[in-house]
Amino acid sequence: MPVSSQLVSEAERLARVEDYENINALRDPIFNDIAQTIRRQLGAFDAGISVVREKQVRHYFQLLTKTSEVPKQWSFSAHAIHQDKPFVINDLASDERFKDNPFVKSGLSDTGFTMEDGLKRPYRFYAGIPLKSLDGFNIAVLYLLDIKPRELSDLQLEILQTLANFVQSHMNLTMETHLRKKQAERKIQMAEKMAAVGRLTAGIAHDLSTPIQFIANNSKFVAEGLTAIFDFVDQVSQPNADLMLSDNSGMSTQIATLAEKCELSYYRQEMLKALNQSLAGLDGITLMIKSLKKFAHTGKLSESDQSCADINDGILSAIEISRSEWRKNSKLTVDLSRDLPKVTCNLGEILQVLLNIIVNAKDAIQERVKTRQEPDYAGAIHIRSFMERDSAVVHVEDNGGGIPEHVLPKIFDLFFTTKEIGEGSGQGLAICWDIITNRHKGTLTVNTDRTAGTTAFKVSLPVCGV
């Protein structure tokens, strides 16, 4: 059964409402001044902004009413939200749609509606002007209420419309600023990702070229072996009585000599080894390519692009991609929880975080070896995964010397770096912080022990269904 376009439009409208409320586009204090202006200039009893959600209507910057939310079926703005022009009811009590509304009946009897501010009164007049999102969906209403029937003059309606235009422009400016910031963050994140790929390219190329080379060599060897076998088969297939099997020995001397000449015994043993080596090399190449594909996948960089994923799989992929980096001076060990639940994430972004932390650990170890002149120092990186309350945790610890106390508070600051010019952008950990805390609603913390010379990053992510 097809879904009606009206339902689709309402779902899209509600999605815009959520977007605007998530960035607090309707919480600017300047809107309180607008409500005050409406009350002074138009003589309203109350004024504010209504955001019409699926089941409730939330009020912002009301001057008198303290009821922040009311059921949608009681709200006058729930009617105004679906209009393309001002929605004005001069006498709510005489309108069939509102005669049983508790806000209209309030104060007429002991059963009248009492609001949270303790005041009983009927509303008799409502005027609301829809406020549109950037893409034209009505998401909120600038409204005024009065406790007596009245009419708005053309000038008063023009004033209300002008104020509504200001509110709409201001909230959309907030959204535009947010979108531009996100776009800039996306570009920075992509640049950092490409820089990481560039840094690892040489090592990745080497890791790929080595198995490719021995696969090529093994393929040539297998081709030689097959040629020898086919040559043997061709010769024994000839109608030559001297090559017939003898009755006693099972194989004639001539056949045995031909088999030895074609090195069948040698190829029988070595071809299987060569094929197994090649298959192992192909498995390694496949793993590397899969890891790179996960890392290179950009996604939409939005929460809607997140899904349930195996964080252990992400850890192993990050290790594989960075292998050419850390294997030079470090031993990397893992201890992964086998029963770890899947987490809600964009796995490509989490890969970027893990890769950054692993490479930073390798850099710290390399710097320790260099500055302390400890060429034989045993660098170690240990990665664990485990559950902690309702979160899956990835713990990455290294023995690269620890982080100085004066540096620790700044490590997640954008453009802060302790590396030499040209060696670090100062964006990596800042991007990691944004990805984990803002985009995935998780936590990213660091602990360091200068005495022990260790640093540990802890990434916590909510598991699916929580």
Protein backbone atom coordinates (compact mmCIF):
# COMPACT_ATOMS: atom_id res chain seq x y z
CA MET A 1 0.00 0.00 0.00
CA PRO A 2 1.62 3.30 -1.07
CA VAL A 3 2.42 5.90 1.56
CA SER A 4 0.55 9.16 1.03
CA SER A 5 2.58 12.22 0.08
CA GLN A 6 1.06 14.05 3.04
CA LEU A 7 2.56 11.53 5.48
CA VAL A 8 5.92 11.73 3.72
CA SER A 9 5.86 15.53 3.91
CA GLU A 10 5.00 15.45 7.62
CA ALA A 11 7.85 13.03 8.27
CA GLU A 12 10.23 15.37 6.44
CA ARG A 13 8.87 18.35 8.36
CA LEU A 14 9.43 16.58 11.67
CA ALA A 15 12.97 15.75 10.59
CA ARG A 16 13.63 19.47 10.02
CA VAL A 17 12.15 20.27 13.44
CA GLU A 18 14.62 17.86 15.02
CA ASP A 19 17.52 19.37 13.04
CA TYR A 20 16.73 22.91 14.16
CA GLU A 21 16.15 21.95 17.78
CA ASN A 22 19.36 19.91 17.88
CA ILE A 23 21.43 23.01 17.09
CA ASN A 24 19.31 25.26 19.37
CA ALA A 25 18.34 27.48 16.44
CA LEU A 26 15.30 28.75 18.37
CA ARG A 27 17.00 29.46 21.70
CA ASP A 28 18.64 32.77 20.84
CA PRO A 29 17.90 35.33 23.61
CA ILE A 30 17.06 37.89 20.94
CA PHE A 31 13.77 36.04 20.42
CA ASN A 32 12.73 37.03 23.93
CA ASP A 33 13.03 40.67 22.82
CA ILE A 34 10.77 39.83 19.88
CA ALA A 35 8.12 38.43 22.24
CA GLN A 36 8.37 41.55 24.38
CA THR A 37 7.98 43.74 21.29
CA ILE A 38 4.85 41.85 20.24
CA ARG A 39 3.32 42.34 23.65
CA ARG A 40 4.10 46.06 23.74
CA GLN A 41 3.30 46.96 20.16
CA LEU A 42 0.29 44.71 19.62
CA GLY A 43 -1.12 44.60 23.14
CA ALA A 44 -0.91 40.82 23.41
CA PHE A 45 -1.54 38.98 26.67
CA ASP A 46 1.18 36.47 25.82
CA ALA A 47 3.55 35.77 22.91
CA GLY A 48 6.30 33.36 21.96
CA ILE A 49 7.46 30.72 19.52
CA SER A 50 5.86 27.28 19.17
CA VAL A 51 7.71 24.31 17.74
CA VAL A 52 5.25 21.70 16.56
CA ARG A 53 6.55 18.20 17.16
CA GLU A 54 4.88 14.86 16.47
CA LYS A 55 2.79 14.68 19.66
CA GLN A 56 3.62 17.82 21.63
CA VAL A 57 4.10 21.50 20.98
CA ARG A 58 7.06 23.13 22.75
CA HIS A 59 6.95 26.82 23.59
CA TYR A 60 9.99 29.10 23.58
CA PHE A 61 10.20 32.59 25.11
CA GLN A 62 6.67 32.74 26.49
CA LEU A 63 6.24 35.84 28.61
CA LEU A 64 3.64 34.63 31.10
CA THR A 65 2.77 30.99 30.54
CA LYS A 66 5.12 28.53 32.23
CA THR A 67 3.77 25.47 30.43
CA SER A 68 6.69 24.59 28.18
CA GLU A 69 4.90 21.74 26.39
CA VAL A 70 1.24 20.98 25.68
CA PRO A 71 -0.39 18.06 23.86
CA LYS A 72 -0.60 18.71 20.14
CA GLN A 73 -4.39 18.39 20.08
CA TRP A 74 -4.71 21.36 22.48
CA SER A 75 -2.38 23.67 20.61
CA PHE A 76 -3.56 26.44 18.31
CA SER A 77 -0.14 26.42 16.65
CA ALA A 78 -0.75 22.82 15.51
CA HIS A 79 -3.32 24.34 13.13
CA ALA A 80 -1.16 27.32 12.15
CA ILE A 81 1.80 25.11 11.24
CA HIS A 82 0.02 23.76 8.18
CA GLN A 83 -0.86 27.21 6.76
CA ASP A 84 1.00 29.20 4.13
CA LYS A 85 -0.28 32.51 5.51
CA PRO A 86 -1.03 34.01 8.93
CA PHE A 87 -3.49 31.94 10.95
CA VAL A 88 -5.79 34.33 12.87
CA ILE A 89 -8.82 33.40 15.00
CA ASN A 90 -10.61 36.51 16.28
CA ASP A 91 -12.80 34.56 18.76
CA LEU A 92 -11.64 31.10 19.68
CA ALA A 93 -14.82 30.36 21.63
CA SER A 94 -16.99 30.76 18.55
CA ASP A 95 -14.84 28.49 16.39
CA GLU A 96 -16.06 24.87 16.29
CA ARG A 97 -12.48 23.59 16.23
CA PHE A 98 -11.65 25.11 19.63
CA LYS A 99 -14.89 25.30 21.61
CA ASP A 100 -13.90 22.24 23.70
CA ASN A 101 -10.24 23.21 23.97
CA PRO A 102 -9.26 23.42 27.70
CA PHE A 103 -7.33 26.65 27.06
CA VAL A 104 -10.52 28.21 25.68
CA LYS A 105 -12.78 26.82 28.44
CA SER A 106 -10.30 27.67 31.21
CA GLY A 107 -11.70 29.87 33.98
CA LEU A 108 -15.34 29.52 32.94
CA SER A 109 -16.08 27.01 35.69
CA ASP A 110 -14.41 25.00 38.38
CA THR A 111 -13.58 22.38 35.78
CA GLY A 112 -11.64 24.90 33.71
CA PHE A 113 -8.06 24.22 32.70
CA THR A 114 -5.40 25.46 35.13
CA MET A 115 -1.94 25.96 33.70
CA GLU A 116 1.30 25.26 35.52
CA ASP A 117 1.72 28.92 36.46
CA GLY A 118 -1.40 28.56 38.65
CA LEU A 119 -3.49 31.03 36.61
CA LYS A 120 -6.93 30.25 35.28
CA ARG A 121 -8.13 32.18 32.27
CA PRO A 122 -9.71 31.55 28.91
CA TYR A 123 -7.93 32.39 25.67
CA ARG A 124 -10.11 34.14 23.15
CA PHE A 125 -7.72 35.34 20.42
CA TYR A 126 -4.84 33.68 18.57
CA ALA A 127 -2.63 34.78 15.72
CA GLY A 128 0.28 32.74 14.42
CA ILE A 129 2.66 33.03 11.48
CA PRO A 130 4.51 29.88 10.31
CA LEU A 131 8.31 29.95 10.28
CA LYS A 132 9.93 28.06 7.43
CA SER A 133 13.15 26.08 7.33
CA LEU A 134 15.82 26.71 4.70
CA ASP A 135 14.14 24.20 2.38
CA GLY A 136 10.61 25.51 2.92
CA PHE A 137 9.13 23.29 5.64
CA ASN A 138 7.00 24.93 8.36
CA ILE A 139 8.77 24.01 11.58
CA ALA A 140 7.59 26.63 14.10
CA VAL A 141 5.10 29.46 14.65
CA LEU A 142 5.54 32.99 15.97
CA TYR A 143 2.31 33.58 17.88
CA LEU A 144 0.40 35.93 20.17
CA LEU A 145 -2.48 35.16 22.48
CA ASP A 146 -5.11 37.34 24.13
CA ILE A 147 -7.82 36.75 26.72
CA LYS A 148 -10.46 38.69 24.84
CA PRO A 149 -11.78 38.55 21.27
CA ARG A 150 -10.16 41.12 19.02
CA GLU A 151 -8.97 41.86 15.50
CA LEU A 152 -5.58 42.82 14.12
CA SER A 153 -5.38 45.88 11.92
CA ASP A 154 -3.47 45.68 8.68
CA LEU A 155 -0.62 47.57 10.30
CA GLN A 156 -0.52 45.23 13.29
CA LEU A 157 -0.54 42.18 11.03
CA GLU A 158 2.29 43.72 8.99
CA ILE A 159 4.29 44.28 12.20
CA LEU A 160 3.73 40.66 13.23
CA GLN A 161 4.76 39.44 9.79
CA THR A 162 7.91 41.59 9.86
CA LEU A 163 8.89 40.19 13.24
CA ALA A 164 8.20 36.66 12.00
CA ASN A 165 10.43 37.30 8.98
CA PHE A 166 13.21 38.42 11.34
CA VAL A 167 12.86 35.30 13.52
CA GLN A 168 12.81 33.07 10.44
CA SER A 169 15.89 34.74 8.94
CA HIS A 170 17.76 34.53 12.25
CA MET A 171 17.04 30.85 12.87
CA ASN A 172 17.93 30.01 9.26
CA LEU A 173 21.17 31.96 9.58
CA THR A 174 21.98 29.80 12.60
CA MET A 175 21.31 26.70 10.52
CA GLU A 176 23.39 27.99 7.60
CA THR A 177 26.27 28.73 9.94
CA HIS A 178 25.98 25.24 11.38
CA LEU A 179 25.95 23.64 7.91
CA ARG A 180 28.95 25.67 6.78
CA LYS A 181 30.84 24.69 9.91
CA LYS A 182 30.02 21.05 9.28
CA GLN A 183 31.12 21.40 5.66
CA ALA A 184 34.41 22.95 6.78
CA GLU A 185 34.87 20.17 9.34
CA ARG A 186 34.19 17.62 6.60
CA LYS A 187 36.88 19.14 4.40
CA ILE A 188 39.37 19.22 7.27
CA GLN A 189 38.55 15.62 8.16
CA MET A 190 38.92 14.53 4.54
CA ALA A 191 42.22 16.38 4.22
CA GLU A 192 43.51 14.70 7.38
CA LYS A 193 42.36 11.34 6.09
CA MET A 194 44.08 11.85 2.76
CA ALA A 195 47.22 13.01 4.56
CA ALA A 196 47.16 9.79 6.57
CA VAL A 197 46.73 7.74 3.40
CA GLY A 198 49.64 9.63 1.81
CA ARG A 199 51.83 9.02 4.83
CA LEU A 200 51.09 5.30 4.80
CA THR A 201 51.19 4.83 1.03
CA ALA A 202 54.83 3.79 0.77
CA GLY A 203 54.50 1.21 3.53
CA ILE A 204 51.20 -0.08 2.17
CA ALA A 205 52.71 -0.36 -1.32
CA HIS A 206 55.59 -2.39 0.12
CA ASP A 207 53.21 -4.63 2.06
CA LEU A 208 51.27 -5.27 -1.14
CA SER A 209 54.26 -5.62 -3.49
CA THR A 210 55.97 -8.34 -1.43
CA PRO A 211 53.17 -10.95 -1.65
CA ILE A 212 52.43 -9.91 -5.23
CA GLN A 213 56.05 -10.58 -6.16
CA PHE A 214 56.21 -14.07 -4.65
CA ILE A 215 52.77 -14.88 -6.11
CA ALA A 216 54.16 -13.94 -9.51
CA ASN A 217 57.30 -16.07 -8.94
CA ASN A 218 55.24 -19.01 -7.69
CA SER A 219 52.92 -18.71 -10.67
CA LYS A 220 55.88 -18.97 -13.03
CA PHE A 221 57.12 -22.03 -11.12
CA VAL A 222 53.70 -23.71 -11.27
CA ALA A 223 53.55 -22.96 -15.00
CA GLU A 224 56.92 -24.69 -15.43
CA GLY A 225 55.69 -27.68 -13.43
CA LEU A 226 52.50 -27.96 -15.46
CA THR A 227 54.52 -27.79 -18.68
CA ALA A 228 56.69 -30.71 -17.46
CA ILE A 229 53.62 -32.73 -16.46
CA PHE A 230 51.87 -32.09 -19.78
CA ASP A 231 55.07 -33.08 -21.62
CA PHE A 232 55.19 -36.34 -19.67
CA VAL A 233 51.52 -37.05 -20.39
CA ASP A 234 52.02 -36.34 -24.09
CA GLN A 235 54.94 -38.76 -24.31
CA VAL A 236 53.33 -41.66 -22.43
CA SER A 237 50.21 -41.22 -24.54
CA GLN A 238 52.13 -42.02 -27.74
CA PRO A 239 51.57 -45.55 -29.19
CA ASN A 240 55.04 -46.79 -28.17
CA ALA A 241 55.27 -50.35 -26.97
CA ASP A 242 58.48 -49.64 -25.08
CA LEU A 243 56.57 -47.40 -22.64
CA MET A 244 53.86 -49.92 -21.80
CA LEU A 245 53.52 -50.95 -18.18
CA SER A 246 55.30 -54.19 -17.37
CA ASP A 247 53.48 -57.11 -15.81
CA ASN A 248 55.80 -57.39 -12.80
CA SER A 249 57.19 -54.02 -11.75
CA GLY A 250 54.03 -51.87 -12.37
CA MET A 251 56.01 -49.29 -14.35
CA SER A 252 58.45 -49.85 -17.12
CA THR A 253 62.00 -48.59 -16.87
CA GLN A 254 61.37 -46.22 -19.75
CA ILE A 255 58.39 -44.55 -17.98
CA ALA A 256 60.32 -44.22 -14.74
CA THR A 257 63.22 -42.65 -16.60
CA LEU A 258 60.86 -40.22 -18.38
CA ALA A 259 59.20 -39.27 -15.07
CA GLU A 260 62.61 -38.58 -13.56
CA LYS A 261 63.61 -36.55 -16.60
CA CYS A 262 60.44 -34.42 -16.27
CA GLU A 263 61.10 -34.01 -12.50
CA LEU A 264 57.57 -35.13 -11.64
CA SER A 265 58.43 -36.03 -8.03
CA TYR A 266 59.98 -32.60 -7.43
CA TYR A 267 57.11 -30.69 -8.98
CA ARG A 268 54.57 -32.82 -7.09
CA GLN A 269 56.04 -31.70 -3.77
CA GLU A 270 56.92 -28.10 -4.57
CA MET A 271 53.88 -27.05 -6.62
CA LEU A 272 51.53 -27.59 -3.69
CA LYS A 273 53.80 -25.51 -1.46
CA ALA A 274 53.91 -22.75 -4.06
CA LEU A 275 50.14 -22.74 -4.44
CA ASN A 276 49.59 -22.61 -0.66
CA GLN A 277 52.07 -19.73 -0.35
CA SER A 278 50.27 -17.86 -3.13
CA LEU A 279 46.87 -18.40 -1.52
CA ALA A 280 48.23 -17.09 1.80
CA GLY A 281 49.63 -14.04 -0.01
CA LEU A 282 46.27 -13.43 -1.70
CA ASP A 283 44.54 -13.63 1.68
CA GLY A 284 46.91 -10.95 2.99
CA ILE A 285 46.29 -8.73 -0.03
CA THR A 286 42.53 -9.20 0.32
CA LEU A 287 42.68 -8.25 4.00
CA MET A 288 44.72 -5.13 3.22
CA ILE A 289 42.36 -4.04 0.43
CA LYS A 290 39.27 -4.60 2.61
CA SER A 291 40.86 -2.55 5.39
CA LEU A 292 41.71 0.26 2.99
CA LYS A 293 38.18 0.27 1.58
CA LYS A 294 36.74 0.64 5.07
CA PHE A 295 39.10 3.47 5.84
CA ALA A 296 38.65 5.27 2.51
CA HIS A 297 34.83 5.09 2.67
CA THR A 298 33.73 8.65 3.53
CA GLY A 299 30.04 8.12 4.16
CA LYS A 300 27.75 11.12 4.62
CA LEU A 301 29.53 12.17 7.78
CA SER A 302 26.21 12.30 9.58
CA GLU A 303 24.54 10.31 12.29
CA SER A 304 22.07 8.94 9.73
CA ASP A 305 25.01 7.13 8.10
CA GLN A 306 25.75 5.16 11.26
CA SER A 307 24.92 1.50 11.68
CA CYS A 308 25.72 -1.44 13.94
CA ALA A 309 29.30 -2.54 13.38
CA ASP A 310 31.89 -4.85 14.93
CA ILE A 311 34.44 -2.60 16.62
CA ASN A 312 36.92 -5.50 16.84
CA ASP A 313 36.82 -5.69 13.06
CA GLY A 314 37.67 -1.99 12.94
CA ILE A 315 40.60 -2.50 15.32
CA LEU A 316 42.07 -5.29 13.20
CA SER A 317 41.64 -3.22 10.04
CA ALA A 318 43.42 -0.23 11.61
CA ILE A 319 46.27 -2.50 12.71
CA GLU A 320 46.58 -3.96 9.21
CA ILE A 321 46.64 -0.55 7.50
CA SER A 322 49.25 0.85 9.90
CA ARG A 323 51.41 -2.28 10.03
CA SER A 324 54.16 -0.77 7.90
CA GLU A 325 54.43 2.09 10.41
CA TRP A 326 54.53 0.43 13.82
CA ARG A 327 56.40 -2.77 12.91
CA LYS A 328 59.64 -0.78 12.44
CA ASN A 329 60.10 0.03 16.12
CA SER A 330 57.27 -1.56 18.10
CA LYS A 331 55.60 -4.79 19.00
CA LEU A 332 51.82 -4.55 18.81
CA THR A 333 49.66 -6.92 20.84
CA VAL A 334 45.90 -7.23 21.10
CA ASP A 335 43.43 -8.55 23.64
CA LEU A 336 39.95 -8.32 22.14
CA SER A 337 36.76 -9.32 23.89
CA ARG A 338 35.10 -12.05 21.86
CA ASP A 339 31.59 -11.30 23.14
CA LEU A 340 31.77 -7.53 22.59
CA PRO A 341 28.40 -6.24 21.30
CA LYS A 342 28.27 -4.26 18.09
CA VAL A 343 28.39 -0.48 18.37
CA THR A 344 26.39 2.24 16.63
CA CYS A 345 28.93 4.01 14.46
CA ASN A 346 30.27 5.05 11.08
CA LEU A 347 33.04 2.43 10.91
CA GLY A 348 35.09 4.46 8.43
CA GLU A 349 35.27 7.35 10.90
CA ILE A 350 36.10 5.06 13.84
CA LEU A 351 38.88 3.56 11.70
CA GLN A 352 40.27 7.05 11.21
CA VAL A 353 40.30 7.59 14.99
CA LEU A 354 41.98 4.25 15.75
CA LEU A 355 44.52 4.71 12.98
CA ASN A 356 45.42 8.15 14.28
CA ILE A 357 45.91 6.88 17.83
CA ILE A 358 48.03 3.91 16.70
CA VAL A 359 50.26 6.06 14.50
CA ASN A 360 50.62 8.64 17.31
CA ALA A 361 51.71 5.82 19.63
CA LYS A 362 54.31 4.71 17.09
CA ASP A 363 55.51 8.32 16.71
CA ALA A 364 55.88 8.68 20.48
CA ILE A 365 57.99 5.51 20.64
CA GLN A 366 60.10 6.68 17.71
CA GLU A 367 60.64 10.06 19.38
CA ARG A 368 61.69 8.37 22.62
CA VAL A 369 64.24 6.25 20.79
CA LYS A 370 65.57 9.34 19.03
CA THR A 371 65.72 11.83 21.92
CA ARG A 372 66.90 9.41 24.58
CA GLN A 373 69.30 7.64 22.21
CA GLU A 374 67.90 4.22 23.04
CA PRO A 375 68.27 2.35 19.74
CA ASP A 376 67.50 -1.00 21.36
CA TYR A 377 64.44 0.24 23.22
CA ALA A 378 61.54 -2.24 22.96
CA GLY A 379 58.55 -0.21 21.83
CA ALA A 380 55.18 -1.70 22.76
CA ILE A 381 51.60 -0.91 21.76
CA HIS A 382 48.82 -2.87 23.44
CA ILE A 383 45.19 -2.67 22.29
CA ARG A 384 42.28 -4.02 24.31
CA SER A 385 38.53 -4.07 23.79
CA PHE A 386 36.02 -4.69 26.56
CA MET A 387 32.59 -3.70 27.90
CA GLU A 388 32.23 -0.98 30.52
CA ARG A 389 28.65 -0.42 31.67
CA ASP A 390 26.64 0.31 28.47
CA SER A 391 29.63 1.14 26.28
CA ALA A 392 32.17 -0.77 24.21
CA VAL A 393 35.68 0.41 25.02
CA VAL A 394 38.86 0.42 22.96
CA HIS A 395 41.99 0.99 25.07
CA VAL A 396 45.27 1.78 23.30
CA GLU A 397 48.40 2.01 25.45
CA ASP A 398 52.01 2.69 24.43
CA ASN A 399 55.33 3.06 26.22
CA GLY A 400 56.49 6.08 24.26
CA GLY A 401 57.47 8.08 27.35
CA GLY A 402 54.18 9.70 28.34
CA ILE A 403 52.77 13.17 27.68
CA PRO A 404 54.23 16.20 29.54
CA GLU A 405 51.87 17.69 32.11
CA HIS A 406 51.78 21.12 30.43
CA VAL A 407 50.86 19.53 27.07
CA LEU A 408 48.09 17.21 28.29
CA PRO A 409 45.24 19.81 28.49
CA LYS A 410 45.89 20.92 24.90
CA ILE A 411 46.16 17.66 22.98
CA PHE A 412 42.58 17.79 21.66
CA ASP A 413 42.84 21.46 20.64
CA LEU A 414 42.66 22.13 16.92
CA PHE A 415 46.07 22.90 15.32
CA PHE A 416 47.99 22.11 18.52
CA THR A 417 50.98 19.86 17.90
CA THR A 418 54.31 19.10 19.52
CA LYS A 419 55.83 17.83 16.29
CA GLU A 420 58.24 19.68 14.08
CA ILE A 421 56.87 21.95 11.33
CA GLY A 422 55.80 19.80 8.40
CA GLU A 423 55.48 16.64 10.50
CA GLY A 424 52.06 17.24 12.03
CA SER A 425 49.02 19.41 11.31
CA GLY A 426 47.60 19.45 14.84
CA GLN A 427 44.24 18.37 13.42
CA GLY A 428 44.32 14.62 14.02
CA LEU A 429 43.34 14.36 17.69
CA ALA A 430 40.96 17.33 17.42
CA ILE A 431 39.14 15.50 14.63
CA CYS A 432 39.17 12.30 16.71
CA TRP A 433 37.57 14.20 19.59
CA ASP A 434 34.84 15.58 17.34
CA ILE A 435 34.14 12.20 15.75
CA ILE A 436 33.84 10.36 19.06
CA THR A 437 32.17 12.94 21.32
CA ASN A 438 30.01 14.99 18.96
CA ARG A 439 29.17 12.61 16.15
CA HIS A 440 29.04 9.31 18.04
CA LYS A 441 27.96 10.50 21.52
CA GLY A 442 30.87 8.61 23.05
CA THR A 443 33.91 9.66 25.07
CA LEU A 444 37.61 10.00 24.28
CA THR A 445 39.98 10.32 27.21
CA VAL A 446 43.72 10.05 27.77
CA ASN A 447 45.79 9.04 30.79
CA THR A 448 49.54 9.31 31.00
CA ASP A 449 52.19 8.24 33.47
CA ARG A 450 55.51 10.00 32.94
CA THR A 451 57.19 7.83 35.56
CA ALA A 452 56.21 4.60 33.83
CA GLY A 453 56.52 6.26 30.42
CA THR A 454 53.08 5.17 29.26
CA THR A 455 50.12 6.83 27.57
CA ALA A 456 46.68 5.29 27.19
CA PHE A 457 43.82 6.51 25.01
CA LYS A 458 40.35 5.25 25.86
CA VAL A 459 37.54 5.32 23.30
CA SER A 460 34.05 4.53 24.60
CA LEU A 461 31.14 4.05 22.20
CA PRO A 462 27.46 3.25 22.87
CA VAL A 463 26.47 -0.26 21.86
CA CYS A 464 23.58 -0.89 19.50
CA GLY A 465 20.17 -0.71 21.10
CA VAL A 466 21.24 1.46 24.04
